[in-house]
Amino acid sequence: MQDTLFFGITLYEDLSNDIIKDFVKHLLQTVNSSEISNTTEFSSRLPTDNVWLHKFYATPIYSLSESIDNHRQMMQLSMFDMPKAFVYLEADLDLRTKKKTRFLSGVKGTILLPKRFDTGIKKRIIAFCKSAEDKEIALKYGATFFGSTNVIAGIEKGEIRYEDFDHIVCAADTLTDISPIRKFLKEHYPTQKANTLGSDLEGMLLLYKYGYTYESNKLNEANGKVTVPIGTLDMSVEDLQINLQHYIDTFESQRTSRSSNWRFVKNSYVTCPPSVEKFKLSEDFTVPSAKIK
């Protein structure tokens, strides 16, 4: 009767495949649970080869510079040939609060990054305004539609459809004029909270023309995920770090007083499509500016 050596244990070939599968499954579960229980040993263990099973080793931690260098190697001429590929921050969010039965909804908004780059996304903006000065500003920033009565009439006649625009901004002196079309505007109806209503029309147009709109996804009640672009591979690591920090600070600002004291951004990764590789960042890179001593 022939036998086979597997995991240092002799398995006889006359045993059924189901018995062998059940035994191997039990063996792996036992090894995995016992090793993970020793968290200090598990986290410090390093693979001895360049190929290994992830579940037996802690996820490697990288600096932002190391992550970018790795992605640049992947995007060089001999591989993907995309030296200006977009770089993304993928963040896992802890949505728990001080109350065990209440959870945060997540994060969303539009952000203007300190180190601007072209995302390739064309923004279609309606600017509701009256004054000649505001109309000149709307024209300067390439608003798709701008004005007051002319734009309202276009909406009422069906010449401007809901799918014809991405954002709406409104000068404060024009808000009463657009109240009859509030139902049409739906969630785009201008508000100060969303920074789409105010006296600084240029600032609002700047935000929504060059800013990036993001919204997290809920994985379950206590966990969420958000993925945002921080720049392109040809940008300096310093500029990418500035943009990354701006996102972290913005996410942190959306925590409520009910939020727990633990880290809002639990884990963060740097990705660069079309590569499927992602590199986990050290926690030092996701500390809000207000907490950096």
C-alpha atoms as a PDB file:
ATOM      1  CA  MET A   1       0.000   0.000   0.000  1.00  0.00           C
ATOM      2  CA  GLN A   2       1.582   3.258  -1.186  1.00  0.00           C
ATOM      3  CA  ASP A   3       1.537   6.329   0.973  1.00  0.00           C
ATOM      4  CA  THR A   4       2.049  10.066   0.584  1.00  0.00           C
ATOM      5  CA  LEU A   5       3.794  12.554   2.858  1.00  0.00           C
ATOM      6  CA  PHE A   6       1.696  15.681   3.392  1.00  0.00           C
ATOM      7  CA  PHE A   7       2.460  18.375   6.006  1.00  0.00           C
ATOM      8  CA  GLY A   8       4.886  15.908   7.546  1.00  0.00           C
ATOM      9  CA  ILE A   9       2.074  13.369   8.099  1.00  0.00           C
ATOM     10  CA  THR A  10       1.702  10.102   6.236  1.00  0.00           C
ATOM     11  CA  LEU A  11      -1.627   9.749   4.401  1.00  0.00           C
ATOM     12  CA  TYR A  12      -2.498   6.352   2.961  1.00  0.00           C
ATOM     13  CA  GLU A  13      -3.799   6.379  -0.595  1.00  0.00           C
ATOM     14  CA  ASP A  14      -6.628   3.972   0.117  1.00  0.00           C
ATOM     15  CA  LEU A  15      -8.353   6.624   2.225  1.00  0.00           C
ATOM     16  CA  SER A  16     -11.221   8.411   0.501  1.00  0.00           C
ATOM     17  CA  ASN A  17     -10.717  11.916  -0.863  1.00  0.00           C
ATOM     18  CA  ASP A  18     -13.421  13.284   1.463  1.00  0.00           C
ATOM     19  CA  ILE A  19     -11.615  11.973   4.548  1.00  0.00           C
ATOM     20  CA  ILE A  20      -8.348  13.505   3.386  1.00  0.00           C
ATOM     21  CA  LYS A  21     -10.020  16.862   2.588  1.00  0.00           C
ATOM     22  CA  ASP A  22     -11.731  16.974   5.986  1.00  0.00           C
ATOM     23  CA  PHE A  23      -8.463  16.167   7.742  1.00  0.00           C
ATOM     24  CA  VAL A  24      -6.478  18.833   5.840  1.00  0.00           C
ATOM     25  CA  LYS A  25      -9.206  21.418   6.475  1.00  0.00           C
ATOM     26  CA  HIS A  26      -9.126  20.627  10.192  1.00  0.00           C
ATOM     27  CA  LEU A  27      -5.334  20.779  10.205  1.00  0.00           C
ATOM     28  CA  LEU A  28      -5.243  24.196   8.547  1.00  0.00           C
ATOM     29  CA  GLN A  29      -7.893  25.592  10.892  1.00  0.00           C
ATOM     30  CA  THR A  30      -6.016  24.297  13.914  1.00  0.00           C
ATOM     31  CA  VAL A  31      -2.685  25.697  12.788  1.00  0.00           C
ATOM     32  CA  ASN A  32      -4.220  29.015  11.795  1.00  0.00           C
ATOM     33  CA  SER A  33      -6.163  29.580  15.026  1.00  0.00           C
ATOM     34  CA  SER A  34      -3.260  28.598  17.272  1.00  0.00           C
ATOM     35  CA  GLU A  35      -0.803  30.821  15.436  1.00  0.00           C
ATOM     36  CA  ILE A  36      -3.079  33.842  15.215  1.00  0.00           C
ATOM     37  CA  SER A  37      -3.825  33.619  18.928  1.00  0.00           C
ATOM     38  CA  ASN A  38      -0.170  34.472  19.535  1.00  0.00           C
ATOM     39  CA  THR A  39      -0.473  37.945  18.021  1.00  0.00           C
ATOM     40  CA  THR A  40       3.046  39.113  18.908  1.00  0.00           C
ATOM     41  CA  GLU A  41       4.674  36.127  17.227  1.00  0.00           C
ATOM     42  CA  PHE A  42       2.271  36.300  14.284  1.00  0.00           C
ATOM     43  CA  SER A  43       2.837  40.001  13.580  1.00  0.00           C
ATOM     44  CA  SER A  44       6.627  39.678  13.774  1.00  0.00           C
ATOM     45  CA  ARG A  45       6.919  36.617  11.540  1.00  0.00           C
ATOM     46  CA  LEU A  46       8.503  37.274   8.146  1.00  0.00           C
ATOM     47  CA  PRO A  47       8.311  35.020   5.065  1.00  0.00           C
ATOM     48  CA  THR A  48      11.587  33.420   3.985  1.00  0.00           C
ATOM     49  CA  ASP A  49      10.666  33.350   0.305  1.00  0.00           C
ATOM     50  CA  ASN A  50       8.992  35.695  -2.182  1.00  0.00           C
ATOM     51  CA  VAL A  51       5.944  33.397  -2.373  1.00  0.00           C
ATOM     52  CA  TRP A  52       3.895  32.662   0.740  1.00  0.00           C
ATOM     53  CA  LEU A  53       0.373  32.056   2.061  1.00  0.00           C
ATOM     54  CA  HIS A  54      -1.047  35.352   3.343  1.00  0.00           C
ATOM     55  CA  LYS A  55      -3.017  33.804   6.166  1.00  0.00           C
ATOM     56  CA  PHE A  56       0.142  32.587   7.889  1.00  0.00           C
ATOM     57  CA  TYR A  57       1.827  36.020   7.898  1.00  0.00           C
ATOM     58  CA  ALA A  58       0.852  39.535   8.883  1.00  0.00           C
ATOM     59  CA  THR A  59       0.251  41.995   6.030  1.00  0.00           C
ATOM     60  CA  PRO A  60       3.500  43.864   5.289  1.00  0.00           C
ATOM     61  CA  ILE A  61       3.527  47.556   6.235  1.00  0.00           C
ATOM     62  CA  TYR A  62       4.968  50.196   3.900  1.00  0.00           C
ATOM     63  CA  SER A  63       5.745  53.883   3.952  1.00  0.00           C
ATOM     64  CA  LEU A  64       4.089  56.050   1.318  1.00  0.00           C
ATOM     65  CA  SER A  65       7.433  56.395  -0.466  1.00  0.00           C
ATOM     66  CA  GLU A  66       7.897  52.608  -0.604  1.00  0.00           C
ATOM     67  CA  SER A  67       4.333  52.133  -1.865  1.00  0.00           C
ATOM     68  CA  ILE A  68       4.816  54.669  -4.647  1.00  0.00           C
ATOM     69  CA  ASP A  69       8.174  53.147  -5.645  1.00  0.00           C
ATOM     70  CA  ASN A  70       6.553  49.709  -5.889  1.00  0.00           C
ATOM     71  CA  HIS A  71       3.744  51.034  -8.070  1.00  0.00           C
ATOM     72  CA  ARG A  72       6.187  52.927 -10.289  1.00  0.00           C
ATOM     73  CA  GLN A  73       8.017  49.680 -10.951  1.00  0.00           C
ATOM     74  CA  MET A  74       4.732  48.048 -11.954  1.00  0.00           C
ATOM     75  CA  MET A  75       3.816  50.937 -14.274  1.00  0.00           C
ATOM     76  CA  GLN A  76       7.168  51.141 -16.100  1.00  0.00           C
ATOM     77  CA  LEU A  77       7.523  50.712 -19.863  1.00  0.00           C
ATOM     78  CA  SER A  78       8.166  46.963 -19.776  1.00  0.00           C
ATOM     79  CA  MET A  79       4.951  46.278 -17.829  1.00  0.00           C
ATOM     80  CA  PHE A  80       1.835  48.495 -17.833  1.00  0.00           C
ATOM     81  CA  ASP A  81       3.579  51.529 -19.386  1.00  0.00           C
ATOM     82  CA  MET A  82       1.474  54.020 -17.407  1.00  0.00           C
ATOM     83  CA  PRO A  83       3.943  56.426 -15.729  1.00  0.00           C
ATOM     84  CA  LYS A  84       1.155  58.918 -14.977  1.00  0.00           C
ATOM     85  CA  ALA A  85      -1.397  56.439 -13.621  1.00  0.00           C
ATOM     86  CA  PHE A  86      -3.741  57.605 -10.863  1.00  0.00           C
ATOM     87  CA  VAL A  87      -2.794  56.793  -7.273  1.00  0.00           C
ATOM     88  CA  TYR A  88      -5.607  56.044  -4.811  1.00  0.00           C
ATOM     89  CA  LEU A  89      -6.012  55.946  -1.064  1.00  0.00           C
ATOM     90  CA  GLU A  90      -8.246  53.065   0.026  1.00  0.00           C
ATOM     91  CA  ALA A  91      -9.344  53.559   3.633  1.00  0.00           C
ATOM     92  CA  ASP A  92     -11.220  51.227   5.983  1.00  0.00           C
ATOM     93  CA  LEU A  93     -13.480  53.218   8.310  1.00  0.00           C
ATOM     94  CA  ASP A  94     -14.566  52.372  11.854  1.00  0.00           C
ATOM     95  CA  LEU A  95     -18.198  53.536  12.055  1.00  0.00           C
ATOM     96  CA  ARG A  96     -18.816  52.641  15.683  1.00  0.00           C
ATOM     97  CA  THR A  97     -19.849  55.253  18.240  1.00  0.00           C
ATOM     98  CA  LYS A  98     -19.866  55.385  22.027  1.00  0.00           C
ATOM     99  CA  LYS A  99     -23.279  53.714  21.951  1.00  0.00           C
ATOM    100  CA  LYS A 100     -23.087  50.071  20.923  1.00  0.00           C
ATOM    101  CA  THR A 101     -26.350  50.248  18.961  1.00  0.00           C
ATOM    102  CA  ARG A 102     -25.577  53.430  16.987  1.00  0.00           C
ATOM    103  CA  PHE A 103     -23.247  53.797  14.033  1.00  0.00           C
ATOM    104  CA  LEU A 104     -21.990  56.535  11.755  1.00  0.00           C
ATOM    105  CA  SER A 105     -23.377  56.690   8.215  1.00  0.00           C
ATOM    106  CA  GLY A 106     -19.942  57.189   6.661  1.00  0.00           C
ATOM    107  CA  VAL A 107     -18.247  60.098   4.909  1.00  0.00           C
ATOM    108  CA  LYS A 108     -19.131  62.072   1.785  1.00  0.00           C
ATOM    109  CA  GLY A 109     -18.450  65.451   0.285  1.00  0.00           C
ATOM    110  CA  THR A 110     -16.446  67.375  -2.280  1.00  0.00           C
ATOM    111  CA  ILE A 111     -12.841  68.263  -1.538  1.00  0.00           C
ATOM    112  CA  LEU A 112     -10.398  70.660  -3.188  1.00  0.00           C
ATOM    113  CA  LEU A 113      -6.928  69.182  -2.813  1.00  0.00           C
ATOM    114  CA  PRO A 114      -3.917  71.385  -2.006  1.00  0.00           C
ATOM    115  CA  LYS A 115      -1.839  69.779  -4.776  1.00  0.00           C
ATOM    116  CA  ARG A 116      -4.203  69.849  -7.701  1.00  0.00           C
ATOM    117  CA  PHE A 117      -4.089  67.377 -10.599  1.00  0.00           C
ATOM    118  CA  ASP A 118      -6.373  66.621 -13.523  1.00  0.00           C
ATOM    119  CA  THR A 119      -8.702  63.717 -12.677  1.00  0.00           C
ATOM    120  CA  GLY A 120      -9.977  63.597 -16.243  1.00  0.00           C
ATOM    121  CA  ILE A 121     -13.546  64.038 -14.988  1.00  0.00           C
ATOM    122  CA  LYS A 122     -15.443  66.793 -16.783  1.00  0.00           C
ATOM    123  CA  LYS A 123     -17.819  68.653 -14.456  1.00  0.00           C
ATOM    124  CA  ARG A 124     -21.123  70.030 -15.728  1.00  0.00           C
ATOM    125  CA  ILE A 125     -22.202  72.851 -13.447  1.00  0.00           C
ATOM    126  CA  ILE A 126     -25.278  75.076 -13.279  1.00  0.00           C
ATOM    127  CA  ALA A 127     -24.554  78.465 -11.723  1.00  0.00           C
ATOM    128  CA  PHE A 128     -27.647  80.375 -10.654  1.00  0.00           C
ATOM    129  CA  CYS A 129     -26.708  84.073 -10.527  1.00  0.00           C
ATOM    130  CA  LYS A 130     -28.011  87.546 -11.409  1.00  0.00           C
ATOM    131  CA  SER A 131     -25.282  90.152 -11.345  1.00  0.00           C
ATOM    132  CA  ALA A 132     -23.076  90.866 -14.342  1.00  0.00           C
ATOM    133  CA  GLU A 133     -20.007  90.206 -12.190  1.00  0.00           C
ATOM    134  CA  ASP A 134     -21.218  86.760 -11.144  1.00  0.00           C
ATOM    135  CA  LYS A 135     -22.115  85.906 -14.740  1.00  0.00           C
ATOM    136  CA  GLU A 136     -18.583  86.789 -15.823  1.00  0.00           C
ATOM    137  CA  ILE A 137     -17.200  84.507 -13.098  1.00  0.00           C
ATOM    138  CA  ALA A 138     -19.509  81.666 -14.214  1.00  0.00           C
ATOM    139  CA  LEU A 139     -18.307  82.110 -17.784  1.00  0.00           C
ATOM    140  CA  LYS A 140     -14.667  82.167 -16.630  1.00  0.00           C
ATOM    141  CA  TYR A 141     -15.037  78.806 -14.862  1.00  0.00           C
ATOM    142  CA  GLY A 142     -16.881  77.191 -17.747  1.00  0.00           C
ATOM    143  CA  ALA A 143     -20.296  76.719 -16.148  1.00  0.00           C
ATOM    144  CA  THR A 144     -22.466  74.645 -18.486  1.00  0.00           C
ATOM    145  CA  PHE A 145     -25.503  76.829 -17.743  1.00  0.00           C
ATOM    146  CA  PHE A 146     -25.535  80.128 -15.873  1.00  0.00           C
ATOM    147  CA  GLY A 147     -27.953  82.945 -15.188  1.00  0.00           C
ATOM    148  CA  SER A 148     -31.325  83.121 -13.484  1.00  0.00           C
ATOM    149  CA  THR A 149     -34.614  83.416 -15.361  1.00  0.00           C
ATOM    150  CA  ASN A 150     -33.118  81.963 -18.564  1.00  0.00           C
ATOM    151  CA  VAL A 151     -31.901  78.809 -16.812  1.00  0.00           C
ATOM    152  CA  ILE A 152     -35.119  78.408 -14.822  1.00  0.00           C
ATOM    153  CA  ALA A 153     -37.138  78.726 -18.057  1.00  0.00           C
ATOM    154  CA  GLY A 154     -34.925  76.100 -19.719  1.00  0.00           C
ATOM    155  CA  ILE A 155     -35.604  73.680 -16.869  1.00  0.00           C
ATOM    156  CA  GLU A 156     -39.360  74.317 -16.892  1.00  0.00           C
ATOM    157  CA  LYS A 157     -39.531  73.769 -20.664  1.00  0.00           C
ATOM    158  CA  GLY A 158     -37.540  70.528 -20.425  1.00  0.00           C
ATOM    159  CA  GLU A 159     -34.614  71.930 -22.386  1.00  0.00           C
ATOM    160  CA  ILE A 160     -32.324  71.303 -19.402  1.00  0.00           C
ATOM    161  CA  ARG A 161     -32.767  67.809 -18.017  1.00  0.00           C
ATOM    162  CA  TYR A 162     -31.712  66.348 -14.684  1.00  0.00           C
ATOM    163  CA  GLU A 163     -29.024  64.238 -16.369  1.00  0.00           C
ATOM    164  CA  ASP A 164     -27.507  67.326 -18.058  1.00  0.00           C
ATOM    165  CA  PHE A 165     -25.601  68.526 -14.990  1.00  0.00           C
ATOM    166  CA  ASP A 166     -23.484  67.192 -12.127  1.00  0.00           C
ATOM    167  CA  HIS A 167     -23.500  70.091  -9.660  1.00  0.00           C
ATOM    168  CA  ILE A 168     -25.452  73.255  -8.895  1.00  0.00           C
ATOM    169  CA  VAL A 169     -24.173  76.400  -7.191  1.00  0.00           C
ATOM    170  CA  CYS A 170     -26.268  79.422  -6.388  1.00  0.00           C
ATOM    171  CA  ALA A 171     -25.513  83.043  -5.487  1.00  0.00           C
ATOM    172  CA  ALA A 172     -27.281  84.055  -2.275  1.00  0.00           C
ATOM    173  CA  ASP A 173     -29.373  86.738  -4.011  1.00  0.00           C
ATOM    174  CA  THR A 174     -30.829  84.180  -6.453  1.00  0.00           C
ATOM    175  CA  LEU A 175     -32.126  81.542  -4.014  1.00  0.00           C
ATOM    176  CA  THR A 176     -35.722  82.845  -3.884  1.00  0.00           C
ATOM    177  CA  ASP A 177     -35.893  82.767  -7.699  1.00  0.00           C
ATOM    178  CA  ILE A 178     -35.229  79.023  -7.888  1.00  0.00           C
ATOM    179  CA  SER A 179     -37.685  77.927  -5.174  1.00  0.00           C
ATOM    180  CA  PRO A 180     -40.387  77.027  -7.799  1.00  0.00           C
ATOM    181  CA  ILE A 181     -38.056  74.361  -9.281  1.00  0.00           C
ATOM    182  CA  ARG A 182     -36.985  72.886  -5.941  1.00  0.00           C
ATOM    183  CA  LYS A 183     -38.671  69.556  -6.678  1.00  0.00           C
ATOM    184  CA  PHE A 184     -36.757  69.263  -9.956  1.00  0.00           C
ATOM    185  CA  LEU A 185     -33.387  69.983  -8.349  1.00  0.00           C
ATOM    186  CA  LYS A 186     -33.936  67.276  -5.672  1.00  0.00           C
ATOM    187  CA  GLU A 187     -30.748  66.611  -3.672  1.00  0.00           C
ATOM    188  CA  HIS A 188     -28.908  69.246  -5.749  1.00  0.00           C
ATOM    189  CA  TYR A 189     -30.961  72.061  -4.211  1.00  0.00           C
ATOM    190  CA  PRO A 190     -28.354  74.593  -2.966  1.00  0.00           C
ATOM    191  CA  THR A 191     -27.522  74.745   0.744  1.00  0.00           C
ATOM    192  CA  GLN A 192     -24.829  76.462   2.777  1.00  0.00           C
ATOM    193  CA  LYS A 193     -23.941  73.157   4.441  1.00  0.00           C
ATOM    194  CA  ALA A 194     -23.015  71.623   1.084  1.00  0.00           C
ATOM    195  CA  ASN A 195     -21.149  74.809   0.127  1.00  0.00           C
ATOM    196  CA  THR A 196     -23.403  75.273  -2.902  1.00  0.00           C
ATOM    197  CA  LEU A 197     -25.112  78.463  -1.671  1.00  0.00           C
ATOM    198  CA  GLY A 198     -23.426  81.731  -0.718  1.00  0.00           C
ATOM    199  CA  SER A 199     -21.991  85.055  -1.788  1.00  0.00           C
ATOM    200  CA  ASP A 200     -18.640  83.617  -2.954  1.00  0.00           C
ATOM    201  CA  LEU A 201     -19.681  82.220  -6.322  1.00  0.00           C
ATOM    202  CA  GLU A 202     -16.071  81.958  -7.493  1.00  0.00           C
ATOM    203  CA  GLY A 203     -15.099  79.838  -4.475  1.00  0.00           C
ATOM    204  CA  MET A 204     -18.026  77.480  -5.050  1.00  0.00           C
ATOM    205  CA  LEU A 205     -17.236  77.125  -8.756  1.00  0.00           C
ATOM    206  CA  LEU A 206     -13.586  76.501  -7.939  1.00  0.00           C
ATOM    207  CA  LEU A 207     -14.547  73.731  -5.514  1.00  0.00           C
ATOM    208  CA  TYR A 208     -16.951  71.929  -7.819  1.00  0.00           C
ATOM    209  CA  LYS A 209     -14.962  72.358 -11.033  1.00  0.00           C
ATOM    210  CA  TYR A 210     -11.615  71.195  -9.660  1.00  0.00           C
ATOM    211  CA  GLY A 211     -12.667  69.298  -6.533  1.00  0.00           C
ATOM    212  CA  TYR A 212     -13.264  65.578  -6.123  1.00  0.00           C
ATOM    213  CA  THR A 213     -16.625  64.269  -4.905  1.00  0.00           C
ATOM    214  CA  TYR A 214     -16.422  61.141  -2.745  1.00  0.00           C
ATOM    215  CA  GLU A 215     -18.774  58.919  -0.757  1.00  0.00           C
ATOM    216  CA  SER A 216     -17.957  55.892   1.383  1.00  0.00           C
ATOM    217  CA  ASN A 217     -19.650  52.511   1.125  1.00  0.00           C
ATOM    218  CA  LYS A 218     -20.953  50.588   4.118  1.00  0.00           C
ATOM    219  CA  LEU A 219     -19.680  47.031   4.375  1.00  0.00           C
ATOM    220  CA  ASN A 220     -21.832  46.471   7.469  1.00  0.00           C
ATOM    221  CA  GLU A 221     -23.105  48.627  10.338  1.00  0.00           C
ATOM    222  CA  ALA A 222     -19.698  49.045  11.955  1.00  0.00           C
ATOM    223  CA  ASN A 223     -17.402  49.153   8.925  1.00  0.00           C
ATOM    224  CA  GLY A 224     -17.110  51.269   5.811  1.00  0.00           C
ATOM    225  CA  LYS A 225     -14.692  51.835   2.942  1.00  0.00           C
ATOM    226  CA  VAL A 226     -13.832  54.855   0.842  1.00  0.00           C
ATOM    227  CA  THR A 227     -11.503  55.074  -2.148  1.00  0.00           C
ATOM    228  CA  VAL A 228     -10.197  58.467  -3.326  1.00  0.00           C
ATOM    229  CA  PRO A 229      -7.502  59.666  -5.762  1.00  0.00           C
ATOM    230  CA  ILE A 230      -4.516  61.410  -4.166  1.00  0.00           C
ATOM    231  CA  GLY A 231      -2.632  62.197  -7.368  1.00  0.00           C
ATOM    232  CA  THR A 232      -0.672  60.622 -10.195  1.00  0.00           C
ATOM    233  CA  LEU A 233       2.521  58.533 -10.188  1.00  0.00           C
ATOM    234  CA  ASP A 234       4.601  61.323 -11.696  1.00  0.00           C
ATOM    235  CA  MET A 235       3.861  63.637  -8.750  1.00  0.00           C
ATOM    236  CA  SER A 236       6.360  63.899  -5.924  1.00  0.00           C
ATOM    237  CA  VAL A 237       5.844  61.744  -2.843  1.00  0.00           C
ATOM    238  CA  GLU A 238       5.703  64.969  -0.804  1.00  0.00           C
ATOM    239  CA  ASP A 239       2.759  66.303  -2.844  1.00  0.00           C
ATOM    240  CA  LEU A 240       0.958  62.960  -2.641  1.00  0.00           C
ATOM    241  CA  GLN A 241       1.470  62.966   1.130  1.00  0.00           C
ATOM    242  CA  ILE A 242      -0.026  66.480   1.406  1.00  0.00           C
ATOM    243  CA  ASN A 243      -3.133  65.388  -0.509  1.00  0.00           C
ATOM    244  CA  LEU A 244      -3.419  62.169   1.514  1.00  0.00           C
ATOM    245  CA  GLN A 245      -3.226  64.132   4.771  1.00  0.00           C
ATOM    246  CA  HIS A 246      -5.912  66.533   3.527  1.00  0.00           C
ATOM    247  CA  TYR A 247      -8.271  63.594   2.987  1.00  0.00           C
ATOM    248  CA  ILE A 248      -7.517  62.164   6.442  1.00  0.00           C
ATOM    249  CA  ASP A 249      -8.208  65.531   8.098  1.00  0.00           C
ATOM    250  CA  THR A 250     -11.431  65.943   6.111  1.00  0.00           C
ATOM    251  CA  PHE A 251     -12.670  62.470   7.066  1.00  0.00           C
ATOM    252  CA  GLU A 252     -11.815  63.168  10.696  1.00  0.00           C
ATOM    253  CA  SER A 253     -13.802  66.420  10.607  1.00  0.00           C
ATOM    254  CA  GLN A 254     -16.922  64.448   9.681  1.00  0.00           C
ATOM    255  CA  ARG A 255     -16.853  62.469  12.914  1.00  0.00           C
ATOM    256  CA  THR A 256     -19.638  63.443  15.278  1.00  0.00           C
ATOM    257  CA  SER A 257     -19.488  63.929  19.035  1.00  0.00           C
ATOM    258  CA  ARG A 258     -21.003  60.447  19.298  1.00  0.00           C
ATOM    259  CA  SER A 259     -17.950  58.911  17.640  1.00  0.00           C
ATOM    260  CA  SER A 260     -15.779  56.556  19.615  1.00  0.00           C
ATOM    261  CA  ASN A 261     -12.273  57.401  20.737  1.00  0.00           C
ATOM    262  CA  TRP A 262     -10.587  54.779  18.559  1.00  0.00           C
ATOM    263  CA  ARG A 263      -9.103  55.407  15.132  1.00  0.00           C
ATOM    264  CA  PHE A 264     -11.634  56.444  12.501  1.00  0.00           C
ATOM    265  CA  VAL A 265      -9.401  55.246   9.642  1.00  0.00           C
ATOM    266  CA  LYS A 266      -8.501  51.705  10.724  1.00  0.00           C
ATOM    267  CA  ASN A 267      -6.419  50.571   7.784  1.00  0.00           C
ATOM    268  CA  SER A 268      -5.252  52.366   4.670  1.00  0.00           C
ATOM    269  CA  TYR A 269      -3.798  51.123   1.397  1.00  0.00           C
ATOM    270  CA  VAL A 270      -2.213  52.680  -1.673  1.00  0.00           C
ATOM    271  CA  THR A 271      -3.513  51.344  -4.985  1.00  0.00           C
ATOM    272  CA  CYS A 272      -2.761  52.157  -8.610  1.00  0.00           C
ATOM    273  CA  PRO A 273      -5.111  50.582 -11.204  1.00  0.00           C
ATOM    274  CA  PRO A 274      -4.931  48.644 -13.440  1.00  0.00           C
ATOM    275  CA  SER A 275      -2.490  46.896 -11.120  1.00  0.00           C
ATOM    276  CA  VAL A 276      -4.310  44.815  -8.495  1.00  0.00           C
ATOM    277  CA  GLU A 277      -1.484  45.292  -6.001  1.00  0.00           C
ATOM    278  CA  LYS A 278      -2.199  47.333  -2.896  1.00  0.00           C
ATOM    279  CA  PHE A 279       0.229  48.281  -0.178  1.00  0.00           C
ATOM    280  CA  LYS A 280      -0.797  48.783   3.419  1.00  0.00           C
ATOM    281  CA  LEU A 281       0.371  52.051   4.941  1.00  0.00           C
ATOM    282  CA  SER A 282       1.823  52.497   8.382  1.00  0.00           C
ATOM    283  CA  GLU A 283      -0.641  54.036  10.852  1.00  0.00           C
ATOM    284  CA  ASP A 284       1.626  57.087  11.043  1.00  0.00           C
ATOM    285  CA  PHE A 285       0.350  58.168   7.631  1.00  0.00           C
ATOM    286  CA  THR A 286      -3.311  58.298   8.689  1.00  0.00           C
ATOM    287  CA  VAL A 287      -3.052  60.350  11.879  1.00  0.00           C
ATOM    288  CA  PRO A 288      -5.118  63.587  11.695  1.00  0.00           C
ATOM    289  CA  SER A 289      -3.002  66.753  11.679  1.00  0.00           C
ATOM    290  CA  ALA A 290      -4.573  67.910  14.936  1.00  0.00           C
ATOM    291  CA  LYS A 291      -3.190  64.800  16.680  1.00  0.00           C
ATOM    292  CA  ILE A 292       0.344  65.026  15.285  1.00  0.00           C
ATOM    293  CA  LYS A 293       2.659  66.354  17.972  1.00  0.00           C
END
